């Protein structure tokens, strides 16, 4: 199936994610928070991974208040996490859930908007760690749990600057180009399984803290809220998208 965005007319059934266990990184804020809340409403057990305990607790409480299944919380700083920490998480999830039905990689950092000629090496390394290395290592560690699910979906968050480089976007653009390739490579390597798929989503202009940092002069009321683009993520987590693999999709029409 060739897909570039959410299929026309698709709407999530009230319990389309029932009994699914879905890990969301960056779950304390922005798109990650919106995804976690939506998945909880649709019946999933959500594992909330983020850097700030208080933000995760807020999402946890809201999911419970909405009648969702009890989430799990994993406070973790991806900037400092490595293979060992992710292996420990995999062991913990295996003991508790025995499988993973999905991962949505929302956590990211912007770095500096500045010419490559003067880009700080330490900032470059931090952006690559959070945006590319951590999603790779986390997905790698979770592969046995993903393979244990009847049908699993992994979604990476990409960007238009990952598809075509743009002046001054530096490490962020390079990291998202890496995400595009990582998605394709995982998808190609696992295509023979027939029940594990990998796709990327470009959210487009979305009202987040990162967007405000990148475009400080922009009126935030002119861009969509995270909840407005969540249906594409919900579709990719649902079994309705089981034939979609290796795609880079747009949450909003291209401008």
Protein backbone atom coordinates (compact mmCIF):
# COMPACT_ATOMS: atom_id res chain seq x y z
CA UNK A 1 0.00 0.00 0.00
CA UNK A 2 1.38 3.43 -0.96
CA UNK A 3 0.57 6.05 1.65
CA UNK A 4 1.71 9.65 1.96
CA UNK A 5 -0.66 10.87 4.66
CA UNK A 6 -3.73 9.84 6.63
CA UNK A 7 -6.24 8.06 4.38
CA UNK A 8 -9.26 10.16 3.50
CA UNK A 9 -12.14 9.57 5.82
CA UNK A 10 -10.23 7.48 8.35
CA UNK A 11 -11.41 7.91 11.89
CA UNK A 12 -10.21 5.96 14.89
CA UNK A 13 -12.68 3.45 16.29
CA UNK A 14 -13.20 4.10 20.03
CA UNK A 15 -11.10 1.09 21.10
CA UNK A 16 -8.91 0.52 18.07
CA UNK A 17 -5.77 0.30 20.24
CA UNK A 18 -7.29 -1.87 22.97
CA UNK A 19 -4.80 -4.26 24.59
CA UNK A 20 -1.86 -2.73 22.71
CA UNK A 21 1.26 -1.73 24.65
CA UNK A 22 2.81 1.38 23.13
CA UNK A 23 5.97 3.20 24.16
CA UNK A 24 6.05 6.96 23.54
CA UNK A 25 9.26 8.95 23.97
CA UNK A 26 9.08 12.64 24.69
CA UNK A 27 5.72 11.87 26.30
CA UNK A 28 5.76 14.78 28.72
CA UNK A 29 5.20 17.54 26.22
CA UNK A 30 4.22 18.50 22.68
CA UNK A 31 3.48 15.80 20.12
CA UNK A 32 4.56 13.02 22.46
CA UNK A 33 2.09 14.13 25.12
CA UNK A 34 -0.72 14.42 22.56
CA UNK A 35 0.03 10.93 21.23
CA UNK A 36 0.13 9.41 24.71
CA UNK A 37 -3.22 10.94 25.67
CA UNK A 38 -4.85 9.86 22.40
CA UNK A 39 -3.50 6.31 22.62
CA UNK A 40 -4.78 6.06 26.18
CA UNK A 41 -8.25 7.15 25.09
CA UNK A 42 -8.18 4.53 22.32
CA UNK A 43 -7.52 1.69 24.75
CA UNK A 44 -3.73 1.29 24.74
CA UNK A 45 -1.51 0.79 27.73
CA UNK A 46 0.98 3.60 27.25
CA UNK A 47 4.56 3.61 28.47
CA UNK A 48 5.50 7.23 29.06
CA UNK A 49 9.19 7.94 28.55
CA UNK A 50 10.55 11.41 29.11
CA UNK A 51 13.14 13.49 30.88
CA UNK A 52 10.95 15.27 33.44
CA UNK A 53 9.14 13.28 36.13
CA UNK A 54 6.57 15.99 36.83
CA UNK A 55 5.48 16.21 33.20
CA UNK A 56 5.11 12.44 32.96
CA UNK A 57 3.02 12.43 36.13
CA UNK A 58 0.71 15.05 34.61
CA UNK A 59 0.15 12.89 31.51
CA UNK A 60 -0.27 9.80 33.68
CA UNK A 61 -2.96 11.52 35.75
CA UNK A 62 -4.81 12.76 32.67
CA UNK A 63 -4.86 9.32 31.06
CA UNK A 64 -6.27 7.84 34.27
CA UNK A 65 -8.82 10.65 34.62
CA UNK A 66 -10.00 9.90 31.07
CA UNK A 67 -10.63 6.26 32.01
CA UNK A 68 -7.56 4.85 30.28
CA UNK A 69 -5.51 1.85 31.31
CA UNK A 70 -2.88 2.53 33.94
CA UNK A 71 0.22 3.83 32.13
CA UNK A 72 3.83 3.12 33.01
CA UNK A 73 6.33 5.94 33.57
CA UNK A 74 10.01 5.87 32.64
CA UNK A 75 11.94 9.04 33.53
CA UNK A 76 15.03 8.94 31.33
CA UNK A 77 17.38 11.52 29.85
CA UNK A 78 18.10 10.31 26.33
CA UNK A 79 21.09 12.64 26.11
CA UNK A 80 22.88 10.46 28.65
CA UNK A 81 21.38 7.03 27.91
CA UNK A 82 23.22 4.26 26.10
CA UNK A 83 22.88 0.61 25.12
CA UNK A 84 23.10 -0.56 28.74
CA UNK A 85 20.17 1.60 29.90
CA UNK A 86 18.02 0.53 26.95
CA UNK A 87 18.79 -3.15 27.56
CA UNK A 88 17.66 -2.69 31.15
CA UNK A 89 14.43 -1.10 29.94
CA UNK A 90 13.83 -4.01 27.59
CA UNK A 91 14.23 -6.46 30.48
CA UNK A 92 11.80 -4.42 32.58
CA UNK A 93 9.19 -4.24 29.80
CA UNK A 94 9.59 -7.95 29.11
CA UNK A 95 8.90 -8.80 32.74
CA UNK A 96 5.86 -6.52 32.88
CA UNK A 97 4.30 -6.77 29.40
CA UNK A 98 6.11 -9.60 27.52
CA UNK A 99 5.84 -7.64 24.25
CA UNK A 100 5.60 -4.20 22.64
CA UNK A 101 2.97 -3.40 20.04
CA UNK A 102 4.42 -0.04 19.11
CA UNK A 103 6.95 2.73 19.64
CA UNK A 104 6.56 6.39 18.73
CA UNK A 105 9.86 8.28 18.84
CA UNK A 106 8.85 11.88 19.61
CA UNK A 107 11.75 12.98 21.79
CA UNK A 108 14.09 15.42 20.05
CA UNK A 109 16.27 18.45 20.60
CA UNK A 110 16.77 21.38 18.22
CA UNK A 111 20.37 22.35 18.79
CA UNK A 112 21.48 25.65 17.29
CA UNK A 113 20.14 27.49 14.26
CA UNK A 114 23.50 28.62 12.95
CA UNK A 115 25.92 28.07 10.05
CA UNK A 116 27.73 24.74 9.94
CA UNK A 117 31.00 26.64 9.71
CA UNK A 118 30.67 27.71 13.36
CA UNK A 119 28.52 24.86 14.67
CA UNK A 120 29.76 23.71 18.09
CA UNK A 121 30.96 20.08 18.08
CA UNK A 122 29.47 19.41 21.52
CA UNK A 123 26.06 20.65 20.38
CA UNK A 124 26.34 18.51 17.25
CA UNK A 125 27.06 15.44 19.37
CA UNK A 126 24.16 16.09 21.74
CA UNK A 127 21.66 16.54 18.90
CA UNK A 128 22.82 13.38 17.17
CA UNK A 129 22.62 11.45 20.44
CA UNK A 130 19.04 12.47 21.26
CA UNK A 131 17.60 12.59 17.75
CA UNK A 132 19.30 9.66 16.02
CA UNK A 133 21.50 7.46 18.21
CA UNK A 134 19.00 7.06 21.05
CA UNK A 135 16.09 6.10 18.74
CA UNK A 136 18.35 3.57 17.03
CA UNK A 137 19.61 2.01 20.27
CA UNK A 138 16.16 2.01 21.87
CA UNK A 139 14.57 0.33 18.85
CA UNK A 140 17.41 -2.18 18.64
CA UNK A 141 16.96 -3.10 22.30
CA UNK A 142 13.20 -3.51 21.87
CA UNK A 143 13.34 -5.70 18.76
CA UNK A 144 12.67 -9.01 20.61
CA UNK A 145 9.60 -7.45 22.26
CA UNK A 146 8.36 -5.99 18.98
CA UNK A 147 8.78 -9.36 17.29
CA UNK A 148 6.78 -10.97 20.11
CA UNK A 149 3.72 -8.87 19.24
CA UNK A 150 1.11 -10.13 16.75
CA UNK A 151 1.48 -6.89 14.79
CA UNK A 152 3.89 -4.10 15.77
CA UNK A 153 4.46 -0.58 14.47
CA UNK A 154 7.41 1.75 15.00
CA UNK A 155 7.06 5.42 14.09
CA UNK A 156 9.95 7.86 13.90
CA UNK A 157 9.34 11.60 13.78
CA UNK A 158 11.09 13.26 10.85
CA UNK A 159 11.09 16.77 9.38
CA UNK A 160 11.07 18.53 6.04
CA UNK A 161 14.70 19.53 6.67
CA UNK A 162 15.53 15.84 6.94
CA UNK A 163 14.31 15.35 3.38
CA UNK A 164 16.09 18.39 1.98
CA UNK A 165 18.79 20.21 3.88
CA UNK A 166 18.25 23.87 4.69
CA UNK A 167 20.76 26.55 5.61
CA UNK A 168 21.48 26.98 9.32
CA UNK A 169 19.55 23.90 10.49
CA UNK A 170 22.80 22.04 11.08
CA UNK A 171 22.71 18.95 13.27
CA UNK A 172 18.92 18.88 13.46
CA UNK A 173 18.59 18.55 9.68
CA UNK A 174 21.36 15.95 9.52
CA UNK A 175 19.84 13.94 12.36
CA UNK A 176 16.43 13.88 10.65
CA UNK A 177 18.02 12.81 7.37
CA UNK A 178 19.48 9.96 9.39
CA UNK A 179 16.02 9.16 10.74
CA UNK A 180 14.67 8.92 7.20
CA UNK A 181 17.38 6.39 6.32
CA UNK A 182 17.05 4.53 9.63
CA UNK A 183 13.33 4.09 8.97
CA UNK A 184 13.93 2.71 5.50
CA UNK A 185 16.69 0.37 6.65
CA UNK A 186 14.71 -1.11 9.55
CA UNK A 187 11.69 -1.48 7.25
CA UNK A 188 13.68 -3.26 4.57
CA UNK A 189 15.39 -5.59 7.02
CA UNK A 190 12.11 -6.59 8.68
CA UNK A 191 9.82 -6.68 5.64
CA UNK A 192 10.03 -10.48 5.46
CA UNK A 193 8.44 -10.76 8.91
CA UNK A 194 5.16 -9.36 7.63
CA UNK A 195 4.06 -8.15 11.07
CA UNK A 196 6.61 -5.50 12.06
CA UNK A 197 6.59 -2.19 10.23
CA UNK A 198 8.59 1.04 10.40
CA UNK A 199 7.44 4.42 9.17
CA UNK A 200 8.31 8.09 9.64
CA UNK A 201 6.00 11.06 10.12
CA UNK A 202 6.74 14.68 9.28
CA UNK A 203 4.45 16.63 11.63
CA UNK A 204 4.72 19.90 9.71
CA UNK A 205 4.29 23.22 11.49
CA UNK A 206 3.02 22.33 14.97
CA UNK A 207 2.60 24.42 18.11
CA UNK A 208 5.42 23.10 20.28
CA UNK A 209 8.17 24.54 22.45
CA UNK A 210 10.73 23.49 19.83
CA UNK A 211 8.79 25.25 17.07
CA UNK A 212 8.66 28.45 19.15
CA UNK A 213 12.43 28.28 19.67
CA UNK A 214 13.09 27.76 15.96
CA UNK A 215 10.63 30.47 14.84
CA UNK A 216 10.46 33.04 17.68
CA UNK A 217 8.68 35.65 15.53
CA UNK A 218 5.91 33.27 14.41
CA UNK A 219 2.39 33.69 15.75
CA UNK A 220 1.72 30.31 17.42
CA UNK A 221 -1.98 30.65 16.66
CA UNK A 222 -1.22 30.20 12.95
CA UNK A 223 0.01 26.61 13.34
CA UNK A 224 -1.80 23.46 14.37
CA UNK A 225 -1.86 22.14 17.92
CA UNK A 226 -0.27 18.70 18.49
CA UNK A 227 -3.65 17.06 19.06
CA UNK A 228 -4.72 18.03 15.54
CA UNK A 229 -2.03 15.90 13.88
CA UNK A 230 -2.35 12.87 16.17
CA UNK A 231 -4.83 10.93 13.96
CA UNK A 232 -2.01 9.96 11.58
CA UNK A 233 -0.02 8.53 14.49
CA UNK A 234 -3.09 6.67 15.76
CA UNK A 235 -3.67 5.18 12.31
CA UNK A 236 -0.07 4.00 12.11
CA UNK A 237 -0.40 2.37 15.54
CA UNK A 238 -3.64 0.65 14.54
CA UNK A 239 -3.99 -2.56 12.57
CA UNK A 240 -5.57 -0.56 9.74
CA UNK A 241 -2.04 0.38 8.62
CA UNK A 242 -0.57 -3.12 8.82
CA UNK A 243 0.44 -3.02 5.14
CA UNK A 244 2.24 0.33 5.36
CA UNK A 245 5.99 -0.09 5.76
CA UNK A 246 9.03 2.04 4.97
CA UNK A 247 7.07 5.22 4.26
CA UNK A 248 7.73 8.84 5.15
CA UNK A 249 4.34 10.43 5.63
CA UNK A 250 3.06 13.97 6.15
CA UNK A 251 0.72 14.86 8.98
CA UNK A 252 -0.26 18.05 7.16
CA UNK A 253 -0.58 19.03 3.49
CA UNK A 254 2.71 20.35 2.18
CA UNK A 255 2.90 24.11 1.81
